[in-house]
């Protein structure tokens, strides 16, 4: 018999993807230059030259089996070693290849981690607004997604509210910093305060509450320090993707790190591997695991995103829009000019502006504007943003 839960997920597609699909159709109708698509976190910044050089070197030097064959389920040893050594250098740690599991992008990283750390009936806490797929992945584990609102206006980490939401059924808390959709970076003192609350709760538990740190935007920050979460709380599992840092969203490659200090780390890593097996994430793309091995420390072109951020925020501020000043990632969290964010987005659509309403992120009254588009798109969109503001002002 058909799985009705899976049908429901497919029939009610992601709002982000829905808007992106509409944007593609609209571009075909009136020209791409006339549509201002801020929906998807799809980097317009090209991959670094080192990525191309790595691919060309592999194409020239490797046999077909090496180039396109299966890798070990946990990933190529050289990729896992490169990731572990890079993290050890950057965060004054001592990780090894055994602590790293290569994955099919961030979705697989988080899905595998959730399946590894939870059993049906558990609860997983998320901080709203949050990436909408968290709820899908949590519910696919047979768990309950518990939404805890971020601090009002600042969208900082709501440490006290998370502590109050903990129950005997809480298996994990997911945090995301730099944050999608708000651009907020959680400060070191916030993470330490959260760790203290979690440790207090763990005193009466046989197994700790795990912290899942989703970090695809770690390399994209604008002067803000992005703390290393395992340094604050040992029972952290880190999930990462190269979709943003190397501009490779369609290549689906990332990793899970289970630090040795994590509770029963070998068993957690085995559970991550078992989850990948059960879910069908058999091995990450072999060619791009080699790219990771070669490019693990290649810097992200943050300057391009910083320029986009400056142009967009300066213009929208002058027009009277309110927003959260982004410290990282490449999204602007803008207060809708209507209490109903969906209605605001429908009116914005008449000006060919395509932000994403906040409803699907777990809160009301805001929109997400992805400024990972070209600078030209941002500049061309500004008259439309002004026209939309004028429309609301009457």
Protein backbone atom coordinates (compact mmCIF):
# COMPACT_ATOMS: atom_id res chain seq x y z
CA UNK A 1 0.00 0.00 0.00
CA UNK A 2 1.25 3.47 -0.82
CA UNK A 3 2.99 5.33 2.00
CA UNK A 4 0.62 8.22 2.66
CA UNK A 5 3.19 10.17 4.66
CA UNK A 6 5.63 10.09 1.75
CA UNK A 7 2.82 11.03 -0.64
CA UNK A 8 2.02 14.05 1.54
CA UNK A 9 5.63 15.24 1.45
CA UNK A 10 5.72 14.91 -2.32
CA UNK A 11 2.32 16.50 -2.91
CA UNK A 12 3.13 19.47 -0.63
CA UNK A 13 6.46 20.40 -2.17
CA UNK A 14 9.00 22.69 -0.55
CA UNK A 15 7.90 26.33 -0.75
CA UNK A 16 11.45 27.28 -1.70
CA UNK A 17 11.44 24.80 -4.59
CA UNK A 18 7.95 25.84 -5.60
CA UNK A 19 9.02 29.47 -5.97
CA UNK A 20 12.21 28.44 -7.77
CA UNK A 21 10.17 26.40 -10.27
CA UNK A 22 7.86 29.36 -10.83
CA UNK A 23 10.91 31.57 -11.38
CA UNK A 24 12.23 29.22 -14.06
CA UNK A 25 8.88 29.26 -15.84
CA UNK A 26 8.61 33.03 -15.57
CA UNK A 27 12.12 33.54 -16.93
CA UNK A 28 11.20 31.48 -19.98
CA UNK A 29 8.14 33.68 -20.50
CA UNK A 30 9.52 37.19 -20.05
CA UNK A 31 13.32 36.81 -19.98
CA UNK A 32 15.65 35.98 -17.12
CA UNK A 33 16.76 39.59 -16.82
CA UNK A 34 13.21 40.61 -15.87
CA UNK A 35 12.72 38.11 -13.03
CA UNK A 36 14.29 38.67 -9.61
CA UNK A 37 14.57 35.21 -8.12
CA UNK A 38 15.73 35.31 -4.50
CA UNK A 39 14.34 31.89 -3.62
CA UNK A 40 17.06 29.25 -3.69
CA UNK A 41 20.44 29.21 -1.94
CA UNK A 42 22.09 28.51 -5.29
CA UNK A 43 25.49 30.28 -5.39
CA UNK A 44 26.07 32.42 -8.47
CA UNK A 45 29.74 32.70 -7.49
CA UNK A 46 31.71 30.20 -9.62
CA UNK A 47 33.59 27.37 -7.97
CA UNK A 48 37.24 28.26 -7.22
CA UNK A 49 39.80 27.59 -9.95
CA UNK A 50 41.31 24.89 -7.74
CA UNK A 51 38.13 22.83 -8.15
CA UNK A 52 38.46 22.80 -11.92
CA UNK A 53 42.17 22.00 -11.65
CA UNK A 54 41.39 19.06 -9.36
CA UNK A 55 38.76 17.68 -11.74
CA UNK A 56 41.04 18.03 -14.76
CA UNK A 57 43.88 16.33 -12.92
CA UNK A 58 41.64 13.41 -11.97
CA UNK A 59 40.34 13.11 -15.52
CA UNK A 60 43.89 13.02 -16.88
CA UNK A 61 45.52 10.75 -14.33
CA UNK A 62 42.96 8.25 -13.04
CA UNK A 63 41.64 5.05 -14.52
CA UNK A 64 37.87 4.82 -15.20
CA UNK A 65 37.49 2.58 -12.16
CA UNK A 66 39.27 5.08 -9.91
CA UNK A 67 37.41 8.00 -11.45
CA UNK A 68 33.86 6.68 -11.41
CA UNK A 69 33.94 3.55 -9.25
CA UNK A 70 32.43 3.10 -5.81
CA UNK A 71 34.45 4.29 -2.86
CA UNK A 72 34.41 2.74 0.61
CA UNK A 73 31.05 3.43 2.24
CA UNK A 74 32.64 5.89 4.67
CA UNK A 75 34.46 7.69 1.86
CA UNK A 76 37.87 7.82 0.26
CA UNK A 77 40.60 7.59 2.93
CA UNK A 78 42.39 10.62 1.44
CA UNK A 79 39.23 12.73 1.60
CA UNK A 80 38.46 11.75 5.19
CA UNK A 81 42.08 12.34 6.20
CA UNK A 82 42.14 15.75 4.51
CA UNK A 83 38.95 16.82 6.31
CA UNK A 84 40.19 15.56 9.68
CA UNK A 85 43.59 17.24 9.32
CA UNK A 86 42.02 20.51 8.22
CA UNK A 87 39.61 20.58 11.17
CA UNK A 88 42.42 19.67 13.56
CA UNK A 89 44.56 22.56 12.30
CA UNK A 90 41.76 25.09 12.32
CA UNK A 91 40.20 24.22 15.67
CA UNK A 92 43.17 23.00 17.69
CA UNK A 93 41.80 19.49 17.83
CA UNK A 94 43.04 15.97 17.15
CA UNK A 95 40.68 14.34 14.67
CA UNK A 96 41.44 11.37 12.44
CA UNK A 97 39.92 9.88 9.32
CA UNK A 98 37.96 7.50 11.57
CA UNK A 99 36.00 10.48 12.90
CA UNK A 100 34.76 11.52 9.44
CA UNK A 101 32.05 9.98 7.25
CA UNK A 102 31.70 11.38 3.73
CA UNK A 103 28.09 12.01 2.68
CA UNK A 104 25.88 12.90 -0.25
CA UNK A 105 25.65 16.56 0.74
CA UNK A 106 24.17 18.21 3.84
CA UNK A 107 20.77 16.54 3.44
CA UNK A 108 22.36 13.12 3.78
CA UNK A 109 24.58 14.35 6.63
CA UNK A 110 21.64 15.50 8.71
CA UNK A 111 19.29 12.67 7.72
CA UNK A 112 21.89 10.02 8.59
CA UNK A 113 22.74 11.75 11.87
CA UNK A 114 19.09 12.02 12.90
CA UNK A 115 18.44 8.37 12.11
CA UNK A 116 21.60 7.44 14.02
CA UNK A 117 20.76 9.39 17.18
CA UNK A 118 16.99 8.92 17.51
CA UNK A 119 14.35 6.24 17.77
CA UNK A 120 10.64 6.64 16.91
CA UNK A 121 8.82 8.63 19.57
CA UNK A 122 11.80 10.84 20.41
CA UNK A 123 11.74 14.64 20.19
CA UNK A 124 14.20 16.85 18.33
CA UNK A 125 14.36 20.56 19.11
CA UNK A 126 14.86 23.12 16.34
CA UNK A 127 15.20 26.89 16.65
CA UNK A 128 12.63 28.75 14.56
CA UNK A 129 12.96 30.13 12.00
CA UNK A 130 14.72 27.05 10.65
CA UNK A 131 15.47 25.32 7.35
CA UNK A 132 12.11 23.69 6.49
CA UNK A 133 13.53 20.28 5.60
CA UNK A 134 14.59 19.72 9.22
CA UNK A 135 10.98 18.95 10.06
CA UNK A 136 10.66 16.52 7.15
CA UNK A 137 13.82 14.65 8.14
CA UNK A 138 12.84 14.56 11.82
CA UNK A 139 9.36 13.24 11.10
CA UNK A 140 10.81 10.66 8.70
CA UNK A 141 12.58 9.24 11.77
CA UNK A 142 9.23 8.88 13.52
CA UNK A 143 10.14 11.74 15.84
CA UNK A 144 8.44 14.98 16.84
CA UNK A 145 9.86 18.31 15.70
CA UNK A 146 9.73 20.72 18.65
CA UNK A 147 9.96 24.35 17.53
CA UNK A 148 11.55 26.84 19.93
CA UNK A 149 11.40 30.47 18.74
CA UNK A 150 14.67 32.36 18.53
CA UNK A 151 15.05 35.49 20.65
CA UNK A 152 12.65 38.16 19.43
CA UNK A 153 14.05 40.75 17.03
CA UNK A 154 17.70 39.64 17.37
CA UNK A 155 17.04 35.97 16.49
CA UNK A 156 19.83 34.99 18.88
CA UNK A 157 20.08 31.49 20.33
CA UNK A 158 17.20 31.06 22.85
CA UNK A 159 19.14 29.19 25.51
CA UNK A 160 16.56 29.43 28.29
CA UNK A 161 13.68 28.45 26.02
CA UNK A 162 15.61 25.43 24.71
CA UNK A 163 16.31 24.33 28.28
CA UNK A 164 12.63 24.67 29.14
CA UNK A 165 11.67 22.61 26.09
CA UNK A 166 13.87 19.66 27.09
CA UNK A 167 11.98 16.54 28.15
CA UNK A 168 12.89 12.94 28.85
CA UNK A 169 12.11 12.25 25.18
CA UNK A 170 14.50 14.89 23.79
CA UNK A 171 17.17 13.10 21.78
CA UNK A 172 18.83 16.05 20.05
CA UNK A 173 18.87 19.77 19.37
CA UNK A 174 19.69 21.07 15.90
CA UNK A 175 21.48 24.41 15.60
CA UNK A 176 22.58 26.18 12.42
CA UNK A 177 25.19 28.95 12.54
CA UNK A 178 25.68 31.01 10.42
CA UNK A 179 21.97 30.69 10.25
CA UNK A 180 19.66 30.01 7.36
CA UNK A 181 17.44 32.05 7.07
CA UNK A 182 18.41 34.93 9.40
CA UNK A 183 22.16 35.26 8.82
CA UNK A 184 22.76 35.29 12.59
CA UNK A 185 25.97 33.81 13.99
CA UNK A 186 25.66 32.29 17.46
CA UNK A 187 28.24 33.75 19.85
CA UNK A 188 30.64 31.68 21.92
CA UNK A 189 28.96 32.72 25.18
CA UNK A 190 25.58 31.58 23.87
CA UNK A 191 26.97 28.17 22.97
CA UNK A 192 28.66 27.83 26.35
CA UNK A 193 25.40 28.75 28.09
CA UNK A 194 23.54 26.16 26.02
CA UNK A 195 26.19 23.55 26.83
CA UNK A 196 25.77 24.26 30.54
CA UNK A 197 21.99 23.77 30.31
CA UNK A 198 22.38 20.56 28.34
CA UNK A 199 24.95 19.21 30.80
CA UNK A 200 22.56 19.95 33.66
CA UNK A 201 19.84 18.00 31.88
CA UNK A 202 22.25 15.15 31.10
CA UNK A 203 22.95 14.59 34.80
CA UNK A 204 19.67 12.71 35.14
CA UNK A 205 19.90 10.83 31.83
CA UNK A 206 21.60 7.62 30.77
CA UNK A 207 22.36 9.12 27.35
CA UNK A 208 23.06 12.81 26.74
CA UNK A 209 21.09 15.17 24.58
CA UNK A 210 23.08 15.39 21.38
CA UNK A 211 23.74 18.69 19.64
CA UNK A 212 23.62 18.50 15.83
CA UNK A 213 25.52 21.43 14.37
CA UNK A 214 24.50 22.06 10.74
CA UNK A 215 27.33 24.13 9.23
CA UNK A 216 27.14 24.56 5.43
CA UNK A 217 27.65 28.32 5.81
CA UNK A 218 30.62 28.20 8.22
CA UNK A 219 33.02 29.77 5.70
CA UNK A 220 30.65 32.63 4.82
CA UNK A 221 30.79 35.27 7.53
CA UNK A 222 31.38 39.01 7.51
CA UNK A 223 33.87 39.61 10.27
CA UNK A 224 31.98 37.57 12.85
CA UNK A 225 33.77 34.75 14.64
CA UNK A 226 32.02 31.42 14.03
CA UNK A 227 32.75 29.31 17.13
CA UNK A 228 33.59 25.62 16.85
CA UNK A 229 30.62 23.98 18.57
CA UNK A 230 32.36 20.76 19.75
CA UNK A 231 34.73 23.02 21.67
CA UNK A 232 31.78 24.14 23.79
CA UNK A 233 29.86 20.87 23.99
CA UNK A 234 31.61 17.52 23.40
CA UNK A 235 28.39 15.66 22.54
CA UNK A 236 28.14 17.52 19.23
CA UNK A 237 27.90 15.89 15.82
CA UNK A 238 28.88 18.28 13.01
CA UNK A 239 27.22 18.12 9.59
CA UNK A 240 28.84 19.92 6.65
CA UNK A 241 28.45 20.42 2.92
CA UNK A 242 30.61 21.96 0.19
CA UNK A 243 27.51 23.28 -1.61
CA UNK A 244 28.15 26.83 -0.39
CA UNK A 245 31.85 27.01 0.46
CA UNK A 246 32.99 25.63 -2.92
CA UNK A 247 29.83 26.59 -4.88
CA UNK A 248 29.00 22.93 -5.60
CA UNK A 249 25.33 22.56 -4.61
CA UNK A 250 24.48 20.13 -7.39
CA UNK A 251 27.43 17.83 -6.76
CA UNK A 252 26.17 16.63 -3.37
CA UNK A 253 29.24 16.10 -1.24
CA UNK A 254 29.74 16.72 2.47
CA UNK A 255 30.60 14.95 5.69
CA UNK A 256 29.62 14.05 9.24
CA UNK A 257 32.14 14.51 12.04
CA UNK A 258 31.73 12.50 15.24
CA UNK A 259 34.39 13.89 17.62
CA UNK A 260 36.19 11.26 19.76
CA UNK A 261 35.01 13.09 22.90
CA UNK A 262 31.37 12.53 21.93
CA UNK A 263 29.38 10.06 24.01
CA UNK A 264 30.05 6.51 22.75
CA UNK A 265 31.66 7.98 19.60
CA UNK A 266 32.47 4.65 17.92
CA UNK A 267 28.88 3.49 18.30
CA UNK A 268 27.56 6.84 17.03
CA UNK A 269 29.81 6.61 13.96
CA UNK A 270 28.67 3.04 13.34
CA UNK A 271 25.06 4.23 13.60
CA UNK A 272 25.74 7.02 11.10
CA UNK A 273 27.19 4.42 8.72
CA UNK A 274 24.21 2.15 9.31
CA UNK A 275 21.82 5.00 8.62
CA UNK A 276 23.56 5.78 5.33
CA UNK A 277 23.19 2.12 4.40
CA UNK A 278 19.53 1.93 5.39
CA UNK A 279 18.62 5.19 3.64
CA UNK A 280 20.47 4.29 0.44
CA UNK A 281 23.20 6.94 0.71
CA UNK A 282 25.76 4.28 -0.22
CA UNK A 283 28.71 6.49 -1.09
CA UNK A 284 29.30 10.14 -1.85
CA UNK A 285 30.25 11.06 -5.47
CA UNK A 286 33.75 9.68 -5.96
CA UNK A 287 35.07 12.44 -8.23
CA UNK A 288 34.02 15.14 -5.81
CA UNK A 289 35.45 13.33 -2.83
CA UNK A 290 38.75 13.75 -4.67
CA UNK A 291 37.94 17.44 -5.12
CA UNK A 292 37.41 17.69 -1.36
CA UNK A 293 40.77 16.04 -0.72
CA UNK A 294 42.48 18.56 -3.00
CA UNK A 295 40.49 21.67 -2.06
CA UNK A 296 39.64 21.23 1.60
CA UNK A 297 41.37 24.49 2.59
CA UNK A 298 40.57 26.56 -0.51
CA UNK A 299 39.01 29.85 0.66
CA UNK A 300 35.46 30.87 -0.18
CA UNK A 301 34.90 34.06 -2.19
CA UNK A 302 33.23 35.86 0.71
CA UNK A 303 34.06 39.26 -0.80
CA UNK A 304 31.52 38.75 -3.58
CA UNK A 305 28.75 37.94 -1.10
CA UNK A 306 29.82 40.85 1.10
CA UNK A 307 29.45 43.19 -1.87
CA UNK A 308 25.97 41.85 -2.64
CA UNK A 309 25.03 42.20 1.01
CA UNK A 310 26.22 45.81 1.14
CA UNK A 311 24.38 46.87 -2.02
CA UNK A 312 21.12 45.18 -1.03
CA UNK A 313 21.05 46.23 2.62
CA UNK A 314 22.00 49.83 1.86
CA UNK A 315 19.24 50.14 -0.73
CA UNK A 316 16.50 48.41 1.25
CA UNK A 317 17.37 50.40 4.38
CA UNK A 318 17.04 53.64 2.44
CA UNK A 319 13.63 52.53 1.18
CA UNK A 320 12.37 51.87 4.70
CA UNK A 321 12.53 48.08 4.88
CA UNK A 322 13.40 46.46 8.21
CA UNK A 323 15.70 43.45 8.34
CA UNK A 324 18.20 41.53 10.46
CA UNK A 325 21.75 42.60 9.66
CA UNK A 326 23.30 39.32 8.44
CA UNK A 327 26.55 38.28 10.12
CA UNK A 328 26.96 35.26 7.87
CA UNK A 329 25.44 33.03 5.16
CA UNK A 330 23.88 34.80 2.16
CA UNK A 331 20.28 35.51 3.14
CA UNK A 332 18.56 38.70 4.22
CA UNK A 333 15.71 38.21 6.70
CA UNK A 334 13.31 41.04 5.87
CA UNK A 335 10.19 42.02 7.81
CA UNK A 336 7.20 41.68 5.48
CA UNK A 337 5.12 44.80 4.90
CA UNK A 338 2.04 42.70 5.65
CA UNK A 339 1.38 40.54 8.74
CA UNK A 340 0.71 37.73 6.26
CA UNK A 341 4.06 36.91 4.65
CA UNK A 342 2.35 34.78 2.01
CA UNK A 343 0.19 37.74 0.97
CA UNK A 344 3.24 39.98 0.89
CA UNK A 345 5.04 37.54 -1.41
CA UNK A 346 2.03 37.36 -3.71
CA UNK A 347 2.06 41.14 -4.06
CA UNK A 348 5.86 41.12 -4.52
CA UNK A 349 5.33 38.62 -7.35
CA UNK A 350 3.44 41.27 -9.33
CA UNK A 351 6.76 43.15 -9.47
CA UNK A 352 8.63 39.94 -10.40
CA UNK A 353 10.22 39.86 -6.94
CA UNK A 354 10.48 36.31 -5.60
CA UNK A 355 11.49 36.09 -1.92
CA UNK A 356 10.38 33.16 0.27
CA UNK A 357 7.69 33.69 2.94
CA UNK A 358 8.64 32.88 6.52
CA UNK A 359 5.68 30.56 7.17
CA UNK A 360 7.58 27.49 5.97
CA UNK A 361 10.52 28.44 8.21
CA UNK A 362 8.33 28.16 11.28
CA UNK A 363 7.40 31.79 11.99
CA UNK A 364 5.21 34.56 10.61
CA UNK A 365 5.72 38.04 9.20
CA UNK A 366 9.12 37.80 7.46
CA UNK A 367 10.61 36.84 4.11
CA UNK A 368 13.96 35.35 3.13
CA UNK A 369 15.88 37.08 0.34
CA UNK A 370 18.77 35.03 -1.01
CA UNK A 371 21.50 37.43 -2.13
CA UNK A 372 23.73 34.71 -3.56
CA UNK A 373 22.48 35.88 -6.97
CA UNK A 374 24.55 38.05 -9.30
CA UNK A 375 25.17 41.67 -8.32
CA UNK A 376 23.48 42.67 -11.57
CA UNK A 377 20.29 40.90 -10.50
CA UNK A 378 20.31 42.75 -7.18
CA UNK A 379 20.86 46.11 -8.85
CA UNK A 380 18.14 45.51 -11.44
CA UNK A 381 15.71 44.49 -8.71
CA UNK A 382 15.99 47.70 -6.70
CA UNK A 383 13.34 49.69 -8.62
CA UNK A 384 10.94 46.78 -8.05
CA UNK A 385 11.64 46.80 -4.30
CA UNK A 386 10.95 50.54 -4.28
CA UNK A 387 7.75 50.10 -6.27
CA UNK A 388 6.59 47.44 -3.82
CA UNK A 389 7.23 49.74 -0.87
CA UNK A 390 5.38 52.57 -2.63
CA UNK A 391 2.48 50.22 -3.27
CA UNK A 392 2.14 49.48 0.46
CA UNK A 393 2.49 53.13 1.36
CA UNK A 394 -0.34 53.92 -1.04
